[in-house]
N, C-alpha and C. Protein backbone atom coordinates (compact mmCIF):
# COMPACT_ATOMS: atom_id res chain seq x y z
N MET A 1 -7.70 39.56 -41.35
CA MET A 1 -6.47 39.73 -40.48
C MET A 1 -5.98 41.18 -40.62
N SER A 2 -5.55 41.65 -39.45
CA SER A 2 -5.15 43.06 -39.33
C SER A 2 -3.72 43.15 -39.94
N GLU A 3 -3.32 44.24 -40.31
CA GLU A 3 -1.94 44.47 -40.77
C GLU A 3 -0.94 44.03 -39.90
N GLN A 4 -1.06 44.38 -38.63
CA GLN A 4 -0.08 43.92 -37.47
C GLN A 4 0.01 42.51 -37.46
N GLN A 5 -1.03 41.69 -37.51
CA GLN A 5 -1.05 40.24 -37.46
C GLN A 5 -0.44 39.65 -38.68
N HIS A 6 -0.63 40.46 -39.90
CA HIS A 6 -0.12 39.90 -41.07
C HIS A 6 1.42 39.93 -41.03
N THR A 7 2.02 41.16 -40.64
CA THR A 7 3.44 41.29 -40.65
C THR A 7 4.11 40.39 -39.57
N ALA A 8 3.36 40.13 -38.54
CA ALA A 8 3.84 39.33 -37.56
C ALA A 8 4.15 37.80 -38.05
N ASN A 9 3.30 37.36 -38.98
CA ASN A 9 3.30 36.13 -39.52
C ASN A 9 4.51 35.97 -40.61
N LEU A 10 5.01 37.16 -41.05
CA LEU A 10 6.15 37.08 -41.99
C LEU A 10 7.43 37.28 -41.30
N ASP A 11 7.47 37.67 -40.09
CA ASP A 11 8.78 37.78 -39.36
C ASP A 11 9.40 36.62 -39.30
N PRO A 12 10.84 36.51 -39.44
CA PRO A 12 11.55 35.18 -39.16
C PRO A 12 11.37 34.75 -37.90
N PRO A 13 11.49 33.41 -37.65
CA PRO A 13 11.31 32.89 -36.31
C PRO A 13 12.45 33.48 -35.41
N THR A 14 12.06 33.67 -34.15
CA THR A 14 13.05 34.18 -33.20
C THR A 14 13.99 33.03 -32.81
N VAL A 15 15.27 33.36 -32.57
CA VAL A 15 16.24 32.30 -32.39
C VAL A 15 16.22 32.07 -30.94
N PRO A 16 16.13 30.76 -30.50
CA PRO A 16 15.88 30.41 -29.13
C PRO A 16 17.27 30.58 -28.39
N ASN A 17 17.25 30.80 -27.12
CA ASN A 17 18.30 31.03 -26.37
C ASN A 17 19.36 29.88 -26.18
N VAL A 18 18.92 28.78 -26.53
CA VAL A 18 19.78 27.59 -26.64
C VAL A 18 20.78 27.81 -27.64
N ILE A 19 20.50 28.35 -28.83
CA ILE A 19 21.51 28.72 -29.86
C ILE A 19 22.63 29.65 -29.31
N ALA A 20 22.20 30.64 -28.71
CA ALA A 20 23.33 31.53 -28.17
C ALA A 20 24.18 30.83 -27.07
N PHE A 21 23.40 30.12 -26.23
CA PHE A 21 24.25 29.31 -25.31
C PHE A 21 25.28 28.35 -25.79
N LEU A 22 24.79 27.51 -26.77
CA LEU A 22 25.60 26.57 -27.36
C LEU A 22 26.64 27.09 -28.23
N SER A 23 26.37 28.23 -28.95
CA SER A 23 27.46 28.89 -29.75
C SER A 23 28.51 29.39 -28.89
N SER A 24 28.07 30.05 -27.73
CA SER A 24 29.15 30.54 -26.79
C SER A 24 30.10 29.49 -26.35
N LEU A 25 29.45 28.42 -25.83
CA LEU A 25 30.12 27.32 -25.34
C LEU A 25 31.14 26.60 -26.32
N LEU A 26 30.52 26.38 -27.55
CA LEU A 26 31.46 25.81 -28.60
C LEU A 26 32.50 26.75 -29.13
N GLN A 27 32.23 27.97 -29.10
CA GLN A 27 33.28 28.91 -29.51
C GLN A 27 34.34 29.01 -28.37
N ARG A 28 34.10 29.00 -27.16
CA ARG A 28 35.05 28.97 -26.16
C ARG A 28 35.85 27.72 -26.08
N VAL A 29 35.15 26.52 -26.39
CA VAL A 29 35.96 25.36 -26.43
C VAL A 29 37.00 25.27 -27.68
N ALA A 30 36.52 25.79 -28.86
CA ALA A 30 37.22 25.79 -30.05
C ALA A 30 38.55 26.67 -29.79
N GLU A 31 38.26 27.93 -29.25
CA GLU A 31 39.33 28.92 -28.93
C GLU A 31 40.31 28.28 -28.06
N SER A 32 39.81 27.58 -26.94
CA SER A 32 40.74 26.95 -25.98
C SER A 32 41.55 25.98 -26.70
N ASN A 33 40.97 25.07 -27.50
CA ASN A 33 41.84 23.98 -28.08
C ASN A 33 42.70 24.54 -29.15
N ASP A 34 42.43 25.72 -29.74
CA ASP A 34 43.33 26.34 -30.70
C ASP A 34 44.49 26.81 -30.00
N LEU A 35 44.34 27.31 -28.79
CA LEU A 35 45.61 27.61 -28.00
C LEU A 35 46.51 26.41 -27.75
N GLY A 36 45.95 25.35 -27.50
CA GLY A 36 46.58 24.08 -27.26
C GLY A 36 47.11 23.31 -28.41
N LEU A 37 46.92 23.85 -29.54
CA LEU A 37 47.37 23.15 -30.91
C LEU A 37 48.85 22.87 -30.83
N ARG A 38 49.60 23.90 -30.29
CA ARG A 38 51.01 23.81 -30.43
C ARG A 38 51.60 22.84 -29.20
N PHE A 39 50.84 22.54 -28.19
CA PHE A 39 51.31 21.81 -27.07
C PHE A 39 50.82 20.38 -26.92
N ARG A 40 49.63 20.24 -27.35
CA ARG A 40 49.08 18.89 -27.27
C ARG A 40 48.95 18.33 -28.59
N PRO A 41 49.21 16.98 -28.68
CA PRO A 41 48.96 16.23 -29.89
C PRO A 41 47.50 16.21 -30.34
N GLN A 42 47.17 16.54 -31.40
CA GLN A 42 45.92 16.53 -32.02
C GLN A 42 45.89 15.77 -33.33
N ARG A 43 44.77 15.02 -33.66
CA ARG A 43 44.72 14.27 -34.85
C ARG A 43 44.02 15.08 -35.87
N ILE A 44 44.41 14.98 -37.12
CA ILE A 44 43.75 15.60 -38.18
C ILE A 44 42.58 14.48 -38.74
N SER A 45 41.41 15.12 -39.08
CA SER A 45 40.52 14.11 -39.45
C SER A 45 39.81 14.77 -40.76
N ALA A 46 38.82 13.98 -41.36
CA ALA A 46 38.08 14.42 -42.59
C ALA A 46 37.19 15.76 -42.01
N PHE A 47 37.01 16.04 -40.88
CA PHE A 47 36.25 17.15 -40.46
C PHE A 47 37.17 18.49 -40.36
N HIS A 48 38.48 18.38 -40.49
CA HIS A 48 39.36 19.52 -40.56
C HIS A 48 39.33 20.20 -41.87
N GLY A 49 39.14 21.60 -41.83
CA GLY A 49 39.46 22.38 -43.11
C GLY A 49 40.74 22.80 -43.17
N LEU A 50 41.04 23.39 -44.33
CA LEU A 50 42.40 23.97 -44.47
C LEU A 50 42.50 25.24 -43.69
N SER A 51 41.43 25.95 -43.46
CA SER A 51 41.46 27.14 -42.72
C SER A 51 40.13 27.32 -42.06
N PRO A 52 40.08 28.06 -40.98
CA PRO A 52 38.83 28.28 -40.27
C PRO A 52 37.78 28.98 -40.97
N PRO A 53 36.59 28.67 -41.09
CA PRO A 53 35.51 29.45 -41.76
C PRO A 53 35.46 30.87 -41.34
N THR A 54 34.94 31.79 -42.26
CA THR A 54 34.82 33.13 -41.92
C THR A 54 33.58 33.29 -41.06
N ILE A 55 32.51 32.52 -41.08
CA ILE A 55 31.29 32.64 -40.34
C ILE A 55 31.53 32.28 -38.90
N SER A 56 30.95 33.09 -38.02
CA SER A 56 31.08 32.74 -36.54
C SER A 56 30.23 31.51 -36.23
N VAL A 57 30.58 30.85 -35.13
CA VAL A 57 29.79 29.67 -34.63
C VAL A 57 28.31 30.15 -34.53
N GLN A 58 28.14 31.21 -33.83
CA GLN A 58 26.75 31.73 -33.50
C GLN A 58 25.91 32.01 -34.84
N SER A 59 26.61 32.67 -35.83
CA SER A 59 25.92 32.92 -37.08
C SER A 59 25.59 31.66 -37.75
N TYR A 60 26.50 30.72 -37.71
CA TYR A 60 26.36 29.39 -38.32
C TYR A 60 25.17 28.62 -37.68
N LEU A 61 25.11 28.46 -36.32
CA LEU A 61 24.06 27.85 -35.71
C LEU A 61 22.68 28.57 -35.96
N GLU A 62 22.64 29.96 -36.13
CA GLU A 62 21.43 30.69 -36.34
C GLU A 62 21.04 30.37 -37.83
N ARG A 63 21.97 30.23 -38.73
CA ARG A 63 21.53 29.92 -40.09
C ARG A 63 20.97 28.54 -40.31
N ILE A 64 21.71 27.51 -39.50
CA ILE A 64 21.05 26.14 -39.46
C ILE A 64 19.70 26.13 -39.01
N PHE A 65 19.41 26.96 -37.83
CA PHE A 65 18.06 27.03 -37.30
C PHE A 65 17.18 27.67 -38.29
N LYS A 66 17.59 28.69 -38.86
CA LYS A 66 16.61 29.32 -39.87
C LYS A 66 16.34 28.51 -40.94
N TYR A 67 17.21 27.85 -41.59
CA TYR A 67 16.98 26.99 -42.89
C TYR A 67 16.68 25.56 -42.67
N ALA A 68 17.05 24.97 -41.66
CA ALA A 68 16.86 23.47 -41.50
C ALA A 68 15.57 23.13 -40.82
N ASN A 69 14.90 24.21 -40.21
CA ASN A 69 13.45 23.92 -39.76
C ASN A 69 13.62 22.76 -38.65
N CYS A 70 14.55 22.75 -37.74
CA CYS A 70 14.60 21.81 -36.78
C CYS A 70 14.19 22.46 -35.43
N SER A 71 13.78 21.69 -34.57
CA SER A 71 13.40 22.08 -33.20
C SER A 71 14.63 22.43 -32.29
N PRO A 72 14.43 23.38 -31.39
CA PRO A 72 15.58 23.66 -30.49
C PRO A 72 16.15 22.44 -29.79
N SER A 73 15.30 21.39 -29.55
CA SER A 73 15.82 20.27 -28.76
C SER A 73 16.85 19.53 -29.59
N CYS A 74 16.78 19.76 -30.89
CA CYS A 74 17.77 18.94 -31.96
C CYS A 74 19.23 19.65 -31.56
N PHE A 75 19.33 20.91 -31.17
CA PHE A 75 20.57 21.51 -30.91
C PHE A 75 21.08 20.91 -29.63
N VAL A 76 20.28 20.76 -28.61
CA VAL A 76 20.75 20.24 -27.27
C VAL A 76 21.18 18.82 -27.56
N VAL A 77 20.54 18.05 -28.29
CA VAL A 77 20.95 16.58 -28.56
C VAL A 77 22.22 16.57 -29.47
N ALA A 78 22.26 17.45 -30.43
CA ALA A 78 23.47 17.61 -31.14
C ALA A 78 24.77 17.88 -30.23
N TYR A 79 24.51 18.76 -29.28
CA TYR A 79 25.61 19.02 -28.36
C TYR A 79 26.00 17.70 -27.57
N VAL A 80 25.02 16.99 -27.19
CA VAL A 80 25.21 15.71 -26.50
C VAL A 80 26.03 14.75 -27.32
N TYR A 81 25.67 14.66 -28.58
CA TYR A 81 26.49 13.95 -29.62
C TYR A 81 27.88 14.46 -29.71
N LEU A 82 28.19 15.61 -29.76
CA LEU A 82 29.51 16.18 -29.93
C LEU A 82 30.34 15.91 -28.48
N ASP A 83 29.66 15.91 -27.45
CA ASP A 83 30.36 15.70 -26.12
C ASP A 83 30.70 14.29 -26.04
N ARG A 84 29.82 13.36 -26.53
CA ARG A 84 30.24 11.95 -26.48
C ARG A 84 31.24 11.63 -27.47
N PHE A 85 31.33 12.23 -28.67
CA PHE A 85 32.34 12.22 -29.60
C PHE A 85 33.63 12.47 -29.10
N VAL A 86 33.71 13.63 -28.46
CA VAL A 86 35.03 14.22 -27.85
C VAL A 86 35.45 13.06 -26.81
N GLN A 87 34.54 12.70 -26.07
CA GLN A 87 34.98 11.74 -24.94
C GLN A 87 35.54 10.46 -25.41
N ARG A 88 34.93 9.98 -26.66
CA ARG A 88 35.59 8.74 -27.21
C ARG A 88 36.73 9.03 -28.22
N GLN A 89 36.92 10.23 -28.55
CA GLN A 89 38.03 10.52 -29.49
C GLN A 89 38.87 11.69 -28.91
N PRO A 90 39.59 11.55 -27.84
CA PRO A 90 40.33 12.52 -27.00
C PRO A 90 41.31 13.30 -27.83
N LEU A 91 41.88 12.57 -28.79
CA LEU A 91 42.94 13.36 -29.76
C LEU A 91 42.27 14.11 -30.87
N LEU A 92 41.07 14.10 -31.02
CA LEU A 92 40.34 14.80 -32.06
C LEU A 92 39.44 15.94 -31.28
N ALA A 93 40.32 16.97 -30.91
CA ALA A 93 39.67 18.08 -30.14
C ALA A 93 38.81 18.97 -31.07
N ILE A 94 37.75 19.57 -30.67
CA ILE A 94 37.04 20.60 -31.37
C ILE A 94 37.91 21.76 -31.36
N ASN A 95 38.18 22.29 -32.59
CA ASN A 95 38.83 23.58 -32.79
C ASN A 95 38.32 24.34 -33.86
N SER A 96 38.94 25.53 -34.20
CA SER A 96 38.22 26.34 -35.16
C SER A 96 38.35 25.90 -36.65
N PHE A 97 39.16 24.69 -36.88
CA PHE A 97 39.28 24.24 -38.06
C PHE A 97 38.15 23.11 -38.34
N ASN A 98 37.53 22.61 -37.23
CA ASN A 98 36.55 21.58 -37.36
C ASN A 98 35.21 21.73 -36.75
N VAL A 99 35.15 22.83 -36.05
CA VAL A 99 33.85 23.04 -35.37
C VAL A 99 32.60 23.16 -36.17
N HIS A 100 32.76 23.88 -37.17
CA HIS A 100 31.56 24.01 -38.13
C HIS A 100 31.04 22.78 -38.77
N ARG A 101 32.08 21.95 -39.21
CA ARG A 101 31.69 20.66 -39.82
C ARG A 101 31.24 19.57 -38.75
N LEU A 102 31.79 19.60 -37.64
CA LEU A 102 31.28 18.87 -36.52
C LEU A 102 29.83 19.21 -36.15
N ILE A 103 29.68 20.48 -36.17
CA ILE A 103 28.26 21.06 -35.76
C ILE A 103 27.21 20.52 -36.74
N ILE A 104 27.51 20.67 -38.03
CA ILE A 104 26.44 20.35 -39.03
C ILE A 104 26.26 18.78 -39.03
N SER A 105 27.26 18.15 -38.80
CA SER A 105 27.04 16.61 -38.75
C SER A 105 26.21 16.24 -37.67
N SER A 106 26.58 16.91 -36.54
CA SER A 106 25.76 16.43 -35.19
C SER A 106 24.39 16.87 -35.38
N VAL A 107 24.11 18.09 -35.96
CA VAL A 107 22.75 18.52 -36.04
C VAL A 107 22.07 17.65 -37.00
N LEU A 108 22.68 17.17 -38.20
CA LEU A 108 22.12 16.22 -39.00
C LEU A 108 21.66 15.06 -38.42
N VAL A 109 22.47 14.46 -37.66
CA VAL A 109 22.15 13.21 -36.95
C VAL A 109 21.00 13.37 -35.90
N SER A 110 21.10 14.49 -35.19
CA SER A 110 20.09 14.87 -34.21
C SER A 110 18.79 15.11 -34.77
N VAL A 111 18.70 15.71 -35.95
CA VAL A 111 17.37 15.95 -36.66
C VAL A 111 16.81 14.59 -37.09
N LYS A 112 17.70 13.71 -37.73
CA LYS A 112 17.20 12.38 -38.05
C LYS A 112 16.63 11.64 -36.96
N PHE A 113 17.22 11.72 -35.74
CA PHE A 113 16.69 10.97 -34.54
C PHE A 113 15.49 11.77 -34.01
N MET A 114 15.47 13.03 -33.81
CA MET A 114 14.49 13.77 -33.11
C MET A 114 13.25 14.18 -33.98
N ASP A 115 13.49 14.85 -35.17
CA ASP A 115 12.44 15.36 -35.85
C ASP A 115 11.94 14.69 -37.23
N ASP A 116 12.83 13.83 -37.75
CA ASP A 116 12.49 13.17 -38.90
C ASP A 116 11.24 12.25 -38.93
N MET A 117 10.44 12.21 -39.90
CA MET A 117 9.32 11.24 -39.83
C MET A 117 9.31 10.30 -41.00
C-alpha cells in the first residue's frame, strides 16, 4: 500500500451534508423558540438543562456522527422522530435548554431502529 493510501485510511470520516443541514435547522428552531420563552407558555421536562450547553448543535451532531458510528440516514430518521415529538407535545418546544438532550435521545432511538443488529 502506498503512503498516500495509508494516510487516506487514517483520516477521520467526512461529515455528511445532512449533519450540517440538520444542525442549521435545529439551531434556528431552538433560537426561535428561545425568543418566544417569554411570550408563549412552555413546559419544563426531564430534557431541560439548567443552562444551555456550551457545545454548538453542529459540533454536537458531528461528535455523535464521529463516535456513534451510525449511518447518515439515522440522523434523518432522528429528525423525523423529533418532528413527531414536537407535534404531539406542542407545549414542549425545542429550545437551547433541551435541544442537545432531545438530539441524543432521538439519535439513540433511530440507531436502534435503523442500524442495530
